[in-house]
Amino acid sequence: MKSGLRATMVLAGCLVIAMPAIAGTFVNGGFEDGTFNGWTQGAGYCNGYWPIIPTDFLPGGTYYNINYNASAVVTPGPDYTVGNLLNRVYNGSYAARINE
């Protein structure tokens, strides 16, 4: 076996072993309670400054303003923004719509 292939296989094995540890720190995004519980929502209006600093739009940030929030937890049904060609929820009772 060539050393490059061997190294790739060792790396792949390490990733498989590490995956359960990483998965344990992620909050499930199923939204089946109908809320954004476990998530931090940001919102605000970007006036064109660059570079955009994401933390400026989180609670306590310089440009944070929840009145500009365009996200929601939605229920099954046709999405009118794409001509009713897409169901808003793939599986289950709720999904997160991020930005409009």
PDB file of N, CA and C in Angstrom:
ATOM      1  N   MET A   1       0.853  -1.176   0.000  1.00  0.00           N
ATOM      2  CA  MET A   1       0.000   0.000   0.000  1.00  0.00           C
ATOM      3  C   MET A   1       0.899   1.238   0.000  1.00  0.00           C
ATOM      4  N   LYS A   2       0.589   2.181  -0.839  1.00  0.00           N
ATOM      5  CA  LYS A   2       1.382   3.404  -0.910  1.00  0.00           C
ATOM      6  C   LYS A   2       1.156   4.244   0.341  1.00  0.00           C
ATOM      7  N   SER A   3       2.177   5.021   0.716  1.00  0.00           N
ATOM      8  CA  SER A   3       2.092   5.791   1.956  1.00  0.00           C
ATOM      9  C   SER A   3       0.985   6.841   1.901  1.00  0.00           C
ATOM     10  N   GLY A   4       0.727   7.443   0.725  1.00  0.00           N
ATOM     11  CA  GLY A   4      -0.340   8.450   0.616  1.00  0.00           C
ATOM     12  C   GLY A   4      -1.706   7.854   0.883  1.00  0.00           C
ATOM     13  N   LEU A   5      -1.954   6.655   0.339  1.00  0.00           N
ATOM     14  CA  LEU A   5      -3.228   5.974   0.562  1.00  0.00           C
ATOM     15  C   LEU A   5      -3.357   5.559   2.023  1.00  0.00           C
ATOM     16  N   ARG A   6      -2.254   5.068   2.599  1.00  0.00           N
ATOM     17  CA  ARG A   6      -2.263   4.665   4.000  1.00  0.00           C
ATOM     18  C   ARG A   6      -2.591   5.870   4.891  1.00  0.00           C
ATOM     19  N   ALA A   7      -1.975   7.005   4.615  1.00  0.00           N
ATOM     20  CA  ALA A   7      -2.234   8.209   5.412  1.00  0.00           C
ATOM     21  C   ALA A   7      -3.684   8.641   5.287  1.00  0.00           C
ATOM     22  N   THR A   8      -4.254   8.534   4.089  1.00  0.00           N
ATOM     23  CA  THR A   8      -5.659   8.896   3.883  1.00  0.00           C
ATOM     24  C   THR A   8      -6.570   7.987   4.686  1.00  0.00           C
ATOM     25  N   MET A   9      -6.263   6.696   4.694  1.00  0.00           N
ATOM     26  CA  MET A   9      -7.088   5.754   5.444  1.00  0.00           C
ATOM     27  C   MET A   9      -6.988   6.001   6.949  1.00  0.00           C
ATOM     28  N   VAL A  10      -5.815   6.319   7.432  1.00  0.00           N
ATOM     29  CA  VAL A  10      -5.633   6.634   8.858  1.00  0.00           C
ATOM     30  C   VAL A  10      -6.422   7.891   9.219  1.00  0.00           C
ATOM     31  N   LEU A  11      -6.349   8.915   8.359  1.00  0.00           N
ATOM     32  CA  LEU A  11      -7.090  10.155   8.607  1.00  0.00           C
ATOM     33  C   LEU A  11      -8.583   9.894   8.632  1.00  0.00           C
ATOM     34  N   ALA A  12      -9.079   9.104   7.673  1.00  0.00           N
ATOM     35  CA  ALA A  12     -10.505   8.783   7.627  1.00  0.00           C
ATOM     36  C   ALA A  12     -10.924   8.045   8.901  1.00  0.00           C
ATOM     37  N   GLY A  13     -10.090   7.119   9.372  1.00  0.00           N
ATOM     38  CA  GLY A  13     -10.387   6.402  10.603  1.00  0.00           C
ATOM     39  C   GLY A  13     -10.450   7.328  11.803  1.00  0.00           C
ATOM     40  N   CYS A  14      -9.537   8.274  11.863  1.00  0.00           N
ATOM     41  CA  CYS A  14      -9.545   9.248  12.964  1.00  0.00           C
ATOM     42  C   CYS A  14     -10.807  10.097  12.951  1.00  0.00           C
ATOM     43  N   LEU A  15     -11.246  10.481  11.759  1.00  0.00           N
ATOM     44  CA  LEU A  15     -12.459  11.291  11.654  1.00  0.00           C
ATOM     45  C   LEU A  15     -13.679  10.518  12.107  1.00  0.00           C
ATOM     46  N   VAL A  16     -13.765   9.250  11.753  1.00  0.00           N
ATOM     47  CA  VAL A  16     -14.893   8.422  12.167  1.00  0.00           C
ATOM     48  C   VAL A  16     -14.936   8.309  13.684  1.00  0.00           C
ATOM     49  N   ILE A  17     -13.794   8.142  14.304  1.00  0.00           N
ATOM     50  CA  ILE A  17     -13.730   8.036  15.762  1.00  0.00           C
ATOM     51  C   ILE A  17     -14.101   9.366  16.412  1.00  0.00           C
ATOM     52  N   ALA A  18     -13.721  10.495  15.817  1.00  0.00           N
ATOM     53  CA  ALA A  18     -13.963  11.813  16.407  1.00  0.00           C
ATOM     54  C   ALA A  18     -15.391  12.291  16.225  1.00  0.00           C
ATOM     55  N   MET A  19     -16.119  11.794  15.253  1.00  0.00           N
ATOM     56  CA  MET A  19     -17.459  12.298  14.953  1.00  0.00           C
ATOM     57  C   MET A  19     -18.413  12.259  16.145  1.00  0.00           C
ATOM     58  N   PRO A  20     -18.512  11.171  16.924  1.00  0.00           N
ATOM     59  CA  PRO A  20     -19.440  11.184  18.060  1.00  0.00           C
ATOM     60  C   PRO A  20     -19.137  12.294  19.060  1.00  0.00           C
ATOM     61  N   ALA A  21     -17.884  12.627  19.265  1.00  0.00           N
ATOM     62  CA  ALA A  21     -17.529  13.697  20.209  1.00  0.00           C
ATOM     63  C   ALA A  21     -17.999  15.045  19.689  1.00  0.00           C
ATOM     64  N   ILE A  22     -17.880  15.285  18.406  1.00  0.00           N
ATOM     65  CA  ILE A  22     -18.328  16.541  17.816  1.00  0.00           C
ATOM     66  C   ILE A  22     -19.845  16.618  17.842  1.00  0.00           C
ATOM     67  N   ALA A  23     -20.522  15.526  17.501  1.00  0.00           N
ATOM     68  CA  ALA A  23     -21.979  15.516  17.438  1.00  0.00           C
ATOM     69  C   ALA A  23     -22.603  15.825  18.795  1.00  0.00           C
ATOM     70  N   GLY A  24     -21.940  15.456  19.879  1.00  0.00           N
ATOM     71  CA  GLY A  24     -22.493  15.690  21.199  1.00  0.00           C
ATOM     72  C   GLY A  24     -22.566  17.154  21.591  1.00  0.00           C
ATOM     73  N   THR A  25     -21.851  18.038  20.903  1.00  0.00           N
ATOM     74  CA  THR A  25     -21.869  19.451  21.246  1.00  0.00           C
ATOM     75  C   THR A  25     -22.860  20.244  20.394  1.00  0.00           C
ATOM     76  N   PHE A  26     -23.493  19.615  19.416  1.00  0.00           N
ATOM     77  CA  PHE A  26     -24.401  20.309  18.505  1.00  0.00           C
ATOM     78  C   PHE A  26     -25.823  20.246  19.027  1.00  0.00           C
ATOM     79  N   VAL A  27     -26.517  21.394  19.050  1.00  0.00           N
ATOM     80  CA  VAL A  27     -27.915  21.443  19.461  1.00  0.00           C
ATOM     81  C   VAL A  27     -28.763  21.061  18.256  1.00  0.00           C
ATOM     82  N   ASN A  28     -29.659  20.089  18.420  1.00  0.00           N
ATOM     83  CA  ASN A  28     -30.483  19.609  17.323  1.00  0.00           C
ATOM     84  C   ASN A  28     -31.326  20.735  16.749  1.00  0.00           C
ATOM     85  N   GLY A  29     -31.293  20.879  15.436  1.00  0.00           N
ATOM     86  CA  GLY A  29     -32.054  21.920  14.758  1.00  0.00           C
ATOM     87  C   GLY A  29     -33.381  21.429  14.236  1.00  0.00           C
ATOM     88  N   GLY A  30     -33.996  20.463  14.888  1.00  0.00           N
ATOM     89  CA  GLY A  30     -35.262  19.916  14.419  1.00  0.00           C
ATOM     90  C   GLY A  30     -36.429  20.875  14.596  1.00  0.00           C
ATOM     91  N   PHE A  31     -36.362  21.777  15.539  1.00  0.00           N
ATOM     92  CA  PHE A  31     -37.380  22.790  15.795  1.00  0.00           C
ATOM     93  C   PHE A  31     -38.754  22.178  16.074  1.00  0.00           C
ATOM     94  N   GLU A  32     -38.782  20.926  16.497  1.00  0.00           N
ATOM     95  CA  GLU A  32     -40.064  20.261  16.704  1.00  0.00           C
ATOM     96  C   GLU A  32     -40.833  20.793  17.908  1.00  0.00           C
ATOM     97  N   ASP A  33     -40.245  21.696  18.679  1.00  0.00           N
ATOM     98  CA  ASP A  33     -41.022  22.333  19.747  1.00  0.00           C
ATOM     99  C   ASP A  33     -41.642  23.640  19.235  1.00  0.00           C
ATOM    100  N   GLY A  34     -41.405  23.969  17.957  1.00  0.00           N
ATOM    101  CA  GLY A  34     -42.010  25.160  17.354  1.00  0.00           C
ATOM    102  C   GLY A  34     -41.325  26.464  17.727  1.00  0.00           C
ATOM    103  N   THR A  35     -40.092  26.370  18.261  1.00  0.00           N
ATOM    104  CA  THR A  35     -39.376  27.577  18.664  1.00  0.00           C
ATOM    105  C   THR A  35     -37.921  27.493  18.206  1.00  0.00           C
ATOM    106  N   PHE A  36     -37.174  28.567  18.462  1.00  0.00           N
ATOM    107  CA  PHE A  36     -35.734  28.601  18.213  1.00  0.00           C
ATOM    108  C   PHE A  36     -34.952  28.249  19.482  1.00  0.00           C
ATOM    109  N   ASN A  37     -35.558  27.530  20.426  1.00  0.00           N
ATOM    110  CA  ASN A  37     -34.865  27.168  21.669  1.00  0.00           C
ATOM    111  C   ASN A  37     -33.512  26.532  21.364  1.00  0.00           C
ATOM    112  N   GLY A  38     -32.487  26.970  22.069  1.00  0.00           N
ATOM    113  CA  GLY A  38     -31.144  26.443  21.883  1.00  0.00           C
ATOM    114  C   GLY A  38     -30.348  27.177  20.814  1.00  0.00           C
ATOM    115  N   TRP A  39     -30.948  28.124  20.139  1.00  0.00           N
ATOM    116  CA  TRP A  39     -30.287  28.879  19.075  1.00  0.00           C
ATOM    117  C   TRP A  39     -30.253  30.355  19.467  1.00  0.00           C
ATOM    118  N   THR A  40     -29.255  31.076  19.007  1.00  0.00           N
ATOM    119  CA  THR A  40     -29.173  32.518  19.208  1.00  0.00           C
ATOM    120  C   THR A  40     -29.570  33.183  17.903  1.00  0.00           C
ATOM    121  N   GLN A  41     -30.591  34.012  17.951  1.00  0.00           N
ATOM    122  CA  GLN A  41     -31.050  34.706  16.752  1.00  0.00           C
ATOM    123  C   GLN A  41     -30.395  36.065  16.636  1.00  0.00           C
ATOM    124  N   GLY A  42     -29.890  36.340  15.477  1.00  0.00           N
ATOM    125  CA  GLY A  42     -29.363  37.659  15.187  1.00  0.00           C
ATOM    126  C   GLY A  42     -30.289  38.366  14.219  1.00  0.00           C
ATOM    127  N   ALA A  43     -30.213  39.668  14.187  1.00  0.00           N
ATOM    128  CA  ALA A  43     -31.018  40.463  13.266  1.00  0.00           C
ATOM    129  C   ALA A  43     -30.440  41.864  13.224  1.00  0.00           C
ATOM    130  N   GLY A  44     -30.745  42.573  12.164  1.00  0.00           N
ATOM    131  CA  GLY A  44     -30.263  43.939  12.041  1.00  0.00           C
ATOM    132  C   GLY A  44     -30.247  44.375  10.594  1.00  0.00           C
ATOM    133  N   TYR A  45     -29.781  45.578  10.368  1.00  0.00           N
ATOM    134  CA  TYR A  45     -29.708  46.142   9.025  1.00  0.00           C
ATOM    135  C   TYR A  45     -28.267  46.527   8.729  1.00  0.00           C
ATOM    136  N   CYS A  46     -27.750  45.998   7.636  1.00  0.00           N
ATOM    137  CA  CYS A  46     -26.381  46.325   7.233  1.00  0.00           C
ATOM    138  C   CYS A  46     -26.430  47.560   6.343  1.00  0.00           C
ATOM    139  N   ASN A  47     -25.764  48.603   6.770  1.00  0.00           N
ATOM    140  CA  ASN A  47     -25.789  49.863   6.025  1.00  0.00           C
ATOM    141  C   ASN A  47     -24.692  49.948   4.968  1.00  0.00           C
ATOM    142  N   GLY A  48     -24.082  48.810   4.629  1.00  0.00           N
ATOM    143  CA  GLY A  48     -23.090  48.776   3.571  1.00  0.00           C
ATOM    144  C   GLY A  48     -21.648  48.786   4.029  1.00  0.00           C
ATOM    145  N   TYR A  49     -21.390  48.762   5.345  1.00  0.00           N
ATOM    146  CA  TYR A  49     -19.998  48.767   5.797  1.00  0.00           C
ATOM    147  C   TYR A  49     -19.336  47.433   5.460  1.00  0.00           C
ATOM    148  N   TRP A  50     -18.027  47.443   5.346  1.00  0.00           N
ATOM    149  CA  TRP A  50     -17.275  46.252   4.992  1.00  0.00           C
ATOM    150  C   TRP A  50     -15.975  46.201   5.762  1.00  0.00           C
ATOM    151  N   PRO A  51     -15.529  45.125   6.260  1.00  0.00           N
ATOM    152  CA  PRO A  51     -16.172  43.813   6.177  1.00  0.00           C
ATOM    153  C   PRO A  51     -17.302  43.695   7.191  1.00  0.00           C
ATOM    154  N   ILE A  52     -18.247  42.845   6.879  1.00  0.00           N
ATOM    155  CA  ILE A  52     -19.363  42.601   7.786  1.00  0.00           C
ATOM    156  C   ILE A  52     -18.855  41.750   8.941  1.00  0.00           C
ATOM    157  N   ILE A  53     -19.173  42.148  10.143  1.00  0.00           N
ATOM    158  CA  ILE A  53     -18.774  41.421  11.344  1.00  0.00           C
ATOM    159  C   ILE A  53     -20.029  40.777  11.925  1.00  0.00           C
ATOM    160  N   PRO A  54     -20.176  39.450  11.793  1.00  0.00           N
ATOM    161  CA  PRO A  54     -21.410  38.780  12.211  1.00  0.00           C
ATOM    162  C   PRO A  54     -21.838  39.080  13.639  1.00  0.00           C
ATOM    163  N   THR A  55     -20.895  39.215  14.569  1.00  0.00           N
ATOM    164  CA  THR A  55     -21.280  39.465  15.962  1.00  0.00           C
ATOM    165  C   THR A  55     -21.952  40.822  16.147  1.00  0.00           C
ATOM    166  N   ASP A  56     -21.788  41.746  15.198  1.00  0.00           N
ATOM    167  CA  ASP A  56     -22.481  43.035  15.273  1.00  0.00           C
ATOM    168  C   ASP A  56     -23.993  42.867  15.182  1.00  0.00           C
ATOM    169  N   PHE A  57     -24.453  41.714  14.670  1.00  0.00           N
ATOM    170  CA  PHE A  57     -25.880  41.489  14.463  1.00  0.00           C
ATOM    171  C   PHE A  57     -26.473  40.502  15.459  1.00  0.00           C
ATOM    172  N   LEU A  58     -25.688  40.119  16.464  1.00  0.00           N
ATOM    173  CA  LEU A  58     -26.177  39.264  17.535  1.00  0.00           C
ATOM    174  C   LEU A  58     -26.606  40.136  18.707  1.00  0.00           C
ATOM    175  N   PRO A  59     -27.426  39.593  19.640  1.00  0.00           N
ATOM    176  CA  PRO A  59     -27.848  40.394  20.783  1.00  0.00           C
ATOM    177  C   PRO A  59     -26.657  41.077  21.459  1.00  0.00           C
ATOM    178  N   GLY A  60     -26.774  42.377  21.662  1.00  0.00           N
ATOM    179  CA  GLY A  60     -25.712  43.178  22.262  1.00  0.00           C
ATOM    180  C   GLY A  60     -24.764  43.776  21.232  1.00  0.00           C
ATOM    181  N   GLY A  61     -24.898  43.377  19.973  1.00  0.00           N
ATOM    182  CA  GLY A  61     -24.021  43.884  18.924  1.00  0.00           C
ATOM    183  C   GLY A  61     -24.396  45.290  18.491  1.00  0.00           C
ATOM    184  N   THR A  62     -23.475  45.947  17.817  1.00  0.00           N
ATOM    185  CA  THR A  62     -23.634  47.335  17.382  1.00  0.00           C
ATOM    186  C   THR A  62     -24.866  47.549  16.513  1.00  0.00           C
ATOM    187  N   TYR A  63     -25.142  46.625  15.586  1.00  0.00           N
ATOM    188  CA  TYR A  63     -26.252  46.792  14.646  1.00  0.00           C
ATOM    189  C   TYR A  63     -27.427  45.864  14.928  1.00  0.00           C
ATOM    190  N   TYR A  64     -27.418  45.201  16.073  1.00  0.00           N
ATOM    191  CA  TYR A  64     -28.516  44.276  16.402  1.00  0.00           C
ATOM    192  C   TYR A  64     -29.827  45.042  16.545  1.00  0.00           C
ATOM    193  N   ASN A  65     -30.841  44.568  15.825  1.00  0.00           N
ATOM    194  CA  ASN A  65     -32.184  45.138  15.933  1.00  0.00           C
ATOM    195  C   ASN A  65     -33.163  44.039  15.542  1.00  0.00           C
ATOM    196  N   ILE A  66     -33.853  43.450  16.518  1.00  0.00           N
ATOM    197  CA  ILE A  66     -34.754  42.330  16.275  1.00  0.00           C
ATOM    198  C   ILE A  66     -35.916  42.713  15.356  1.00  0.00           C
ATOM    199  N   ASN A  67     -36.179  44.009  15.203  1.00  0.00           N
ATOM    200  CA  ASN A  67     -37.255  44.433  14.309  1.00  0.00           C
ATOM    201  C   ASN A  67     -36.958  44.102  12.844  1.00  0.00           C
ATOM    202  N   TYR A  68     -35.703  43.845  12.517  1.00  0.00           N
ATOM    203  CA  TYR A  68     -35.325  43.464  11.146  1.00  0.00           C
ATOM    204  C   TYR A  68     -35.261  41.950  10.963  1.00  0.00           C
ATOM    205  N   ASN A  69     -35.719  41.205  11.934  1.00  0.00           N
ATOM    206  CA  ASN A  69     -35.682  39.746  11.862  1.00  0.00           C
ATOM    207  C   ASN A  69     -36.567  39.245  10.721  1.00  0.00           C
ATOM    208  N   ALA A  70     -36.016  38.422   9.840  1.00  0.00           N
ATOM    209  CA  ALA A  70     -36.773  37.858   8.723  1.00  0.00           C
ATOM    210  C   ALA A  70     -36.800  36.336   8.804  1.00  0.00           C
ATOM    211  N   SER A  71     -36.528  35.778   9.985  1.00  0.00           N
ATOM    212  CA  SER A  71     -36.522  34.336  10.175  1.00  0.00           C
ATOM    213  C   SER A  71     -37.708  33.932  11.039  1.00  0.00           C
ATOM    214  N   ALA A  72     -38.115  32.684  10.883  1.00  0.00           N
ATOM    215  CA  ALA A  72     -39.245  32.195  11.668  1.00  0.00           C
ATOM    216  C   ALA A  72     -39.228  30.677  11.701  1.00  0.00           C
ATOM    217  N   VAL A  73     -39.929  30.108  12.665  1.00  0.00           N
ATOM    218  CA  VAL A  73     -40.197  28.677  12.671  1.00  0.00           C
ATOM    219  C   VAL A  73     -41.517  28.524  11.933  1.00  0.00           C
ATOM    220  N   VAL A  74     -41.534  27.686  10.892  1.00  0.00           N
ATOM    221  CA  VAL A  74     -42.712  27.559  10.028  1.00  0.00           C
ATOM    222  C   VAL A  74     -43.285  26.148  10.091  1.00  0.00           C
ATOM    223  N   THR A  75     -44.533  26.026   9.669  1.00  0.00           N
ATOM    224  CA  THR A  75     -45.232  24.746   9.621  1.00  0.00           C
ATOM    225  C   THR A  75     -45.327  24.265   8.172  1.00  0.00           C
ATOM    226  N   PRO A  76     -45.714  23.004   7.971  1.00  0.00           N
ATOM    227  CA  PRO A  76     -45.819  22.497   6.599  1.00  0.00           C
ATOM    228  C   PRO A  76     -46.795  23.311   5.763  1.00  0.00           C
ATOM    229  N   GLY A  77     -46.509  23.397   4.494  1.00  0.00           N
ATOM    230  CA  GLY A  77     -47.364  24.112   3.564  1.00  0.00           C
ATOM    231  C   GLY A  77     -46.529  24.639   2.417  1.00  0.00           C
ATOM    232  N   PRO A  78     -47.172  25.053   1.342  1.00  0.00           N
ATOM    233  CA  PRO A  78     -46.433  25.548   0.185  1.00  0.00           C
ATOM    234  C   PRO A  78     -45.759  26.884   0.461  1.00  0.00           C
ATOM    235  N   ASP A  79     -44.547  27.053  -0.049  1.00  0.00           N
ATOM    236  CA  ASP A  79     -43.793  28.293   0.104  1.00  0.00           C
ATOM    237  C   ASP A  79     -44.139  29.217  -1.053  1.00  0.00           C
ATOM    238  N   TYR A  80     -44.825  30.291  -0.776  1.00  0.00           N
ATOM    239  CA  TYR A  80     -45.289  31.206  -1.809  1.00  0.00           C
ATOM    240  C   TYR A  80     -44.150  31.934  -2.517  1.00  0.00           C
ATOM    241  N   THR A  81     -42.978  32.043  -1.874  1.00  0.00           N
ATOM    242  CA  THR A  81     -41.881  32.796  -2.496  1.00  0.00           C
ATOM    243  C   THR A  81     -41.302  32.090  -3.717  1.00  0.00           C
ATOM    244  N   VAL A  82     -41.559  30.790  -3.862  1.00  0.00           N
ATOM    245  CA  VAL A  82     -41.095  30.061  -5.051  1.00  0.00           C
ATOM    246  C   VAL A  82     -42.278  29.513  -5.841  1.00  0.00           C
ATOM    247  N   GLY A  83     -43.368  30.226  -5.822  1.00  0.00           N
ATOM    248  CA  GLY A  83     -44.537  29.846  -6.597  1.00  0.00           C
ATOM    249  C   GLY A  83     -45.205  28.573  -6.105  1.00  0.00           C
ATOM    250  N   ASN A  84     -45.180  28.330  -4.820  1.00  0.00           N
ATOM    251  CA  ASN A  84     -45.794  27.159  -4.203  1.00  0.00           C
ATOM    252  C   ASN A  84     -45.232  25.842  -4.723  1.00  0.00           C
ATOM    253  N   LEU A  85     -43.991  25.838  -5.199  1.00  0.00           N
ATOM    254  CA  LEU A  85     -43.364  24.634  -5.733  1.00  0.00           C
ATOM    255  C   LEU A  85     -42.608  23.832  -4.686  1.00  0.00           C
ATOM    256  N   LEU A  86     -42.525  24.357  -3.478  1.00  0.00           N
ATOM    257  CA  LEU A  86     -41.707  23.741  -2.438  1.00  0.00           C
ATOM    258  C   LEU A  86     -42.458  23.746  -1.120  1.00  0.00           C
ATOM    259  N   ASN A  87     -42.454  22.611  -0.430  1.00  0.00           N
ATOM    260  CA  ASN A  87     -43.047  22.566   0.895  1.00  0.00           C
ATOM    261  C   ASN A  87     -42.075  23.202   1.880  1.00  0.00           C
ATOM    262  N   ARG A  88     -42.557  24.041   2.769  1.00  0.00           N
ATOM    263  CA  ARG A  88     -41.694  24.739   3.733  1.00  0.00           C
ATOM    264  C   ARG A  88     -41.012  23.794   4.703  1.00  0.00           C
ATOM    265  N   VAL A  89     -41.614  22.639   4.986  1.00  0.00           N
ATOM    266  CA  VAL A  89     -41.054  21.676   5.936  1.00  0.00           C
ATOM    267  C   VAL A  89     -40.808  20.360   5.203  1.00  0.00           C
ATOM    268  N   TYR A  90     -39.563  19.895   5.232  1.00  0.00           N
ATOM    269  CA  TYR A  90     -39.216  18.644   4.559  1.00  0.00           C
ATOM    270  C   TYR A  90     -39.769  17.439   5.306  1.00  0.00           C
ATOM    271  N   ASN A  91     -39.590  17.436   6.630  1.00  0.00           N
ATOM    272  CA  ASN A  91     -39.989  16.295   7.423  1.00  0.00           C
ATOM    273  C   ASN A  91     -40.353  16.784   8.822  1.00  0.00           C
ATOM    274  N   GLY A  92     -41.450  16.334   9.360  1.00  0.00           N
ATOM    275  CA  GLY A  92     -41.856  16.737  10.698  1.00  0.00           C
ATOM    276  C   GLY A  92     -42.909  17.827  10.660  1.00  0.00           C
ATOM    277  N   SER A  93     -43.034  18.544  11.777  1.00  0.00           N
ATOM    278  CA  SER A  93     -44.088  19.549  11.921  1.00  0.00           C
ATOM    279  C   SER A  93     -43.584  20.977  11.795  1.00  0.00           C
ATOM    280  N   TYR A  94     -42.257  21.199  11.954  1.00  0.00           N
ATOM    281  CA  TYR A  94     -41.707  22.545  11.925  1.00  0.00           C
ATOM    282  C   TYR A  94     -40.357  22.557  11.216  1.00  0.00           C
ATOM    283  N   ALA A  95     -39.971  23.721  10.748  1.00  0.00           N
ATOM    284  CA  ALA A  95     -38.629  23.950  10.191  1.00  0.00           C
ATOM    285  C   ALA A  95     -38.274  25.406  10.438  1.00  0.00           C
ATOM    286  N   ALA A  96     -36.990  25.700  10.385  1.00  0.00           N
ATOM    287  CA  ALA A  96     -36.550  27.083  10.527  1.00  0.00           C
ATOM    288  C   ALA A  96     -36.437  27.710   9.154  1.00  0.00           C
ATOM    289  N   ARG A  97     -37.079  28.852   8.976  1.00  0.00           N
ATOM    290  CA  ARG A  97     -36.895  29.644   7.764  1.00  0.00           C
ATOM    291  C   ARG A  97     -35.896  30.736   8.140  1.00  0.00           C
ATOM    292  N   ILE A  98     -34.736  30.715   7.492  1.00  0.00           N
ATOM    293  CA  ILE A  98     -33.683  31.670   7.808  1.00  0.00           C
ATOM    294  C   ILE A  98     -33.678  32.741   6.727  1.00  0.00           C
ATOM    295  N   ASN A  99     -33.911  33.964   7.157  1.00  0.00           N
ATOM    296  CA  ASN A  99     -34.102  35.091   6.257  1.00  0.00           C
ATOM    297  C   ASN A  99     -35.314  34.800   5.396  1.00  0.00           C
ATOM    298  N   GLU A 100     -35.854  35.726   4.735  1.00  0.00           N
ATOM    299  CA  GLU A 100     -37.076  35.478   3.948  1.00  0.00           C
ATOM    300  C   GLU A 100     -36.683  34.984   2.594  1.00  0.00           C
TER     301      GLU A 100
END
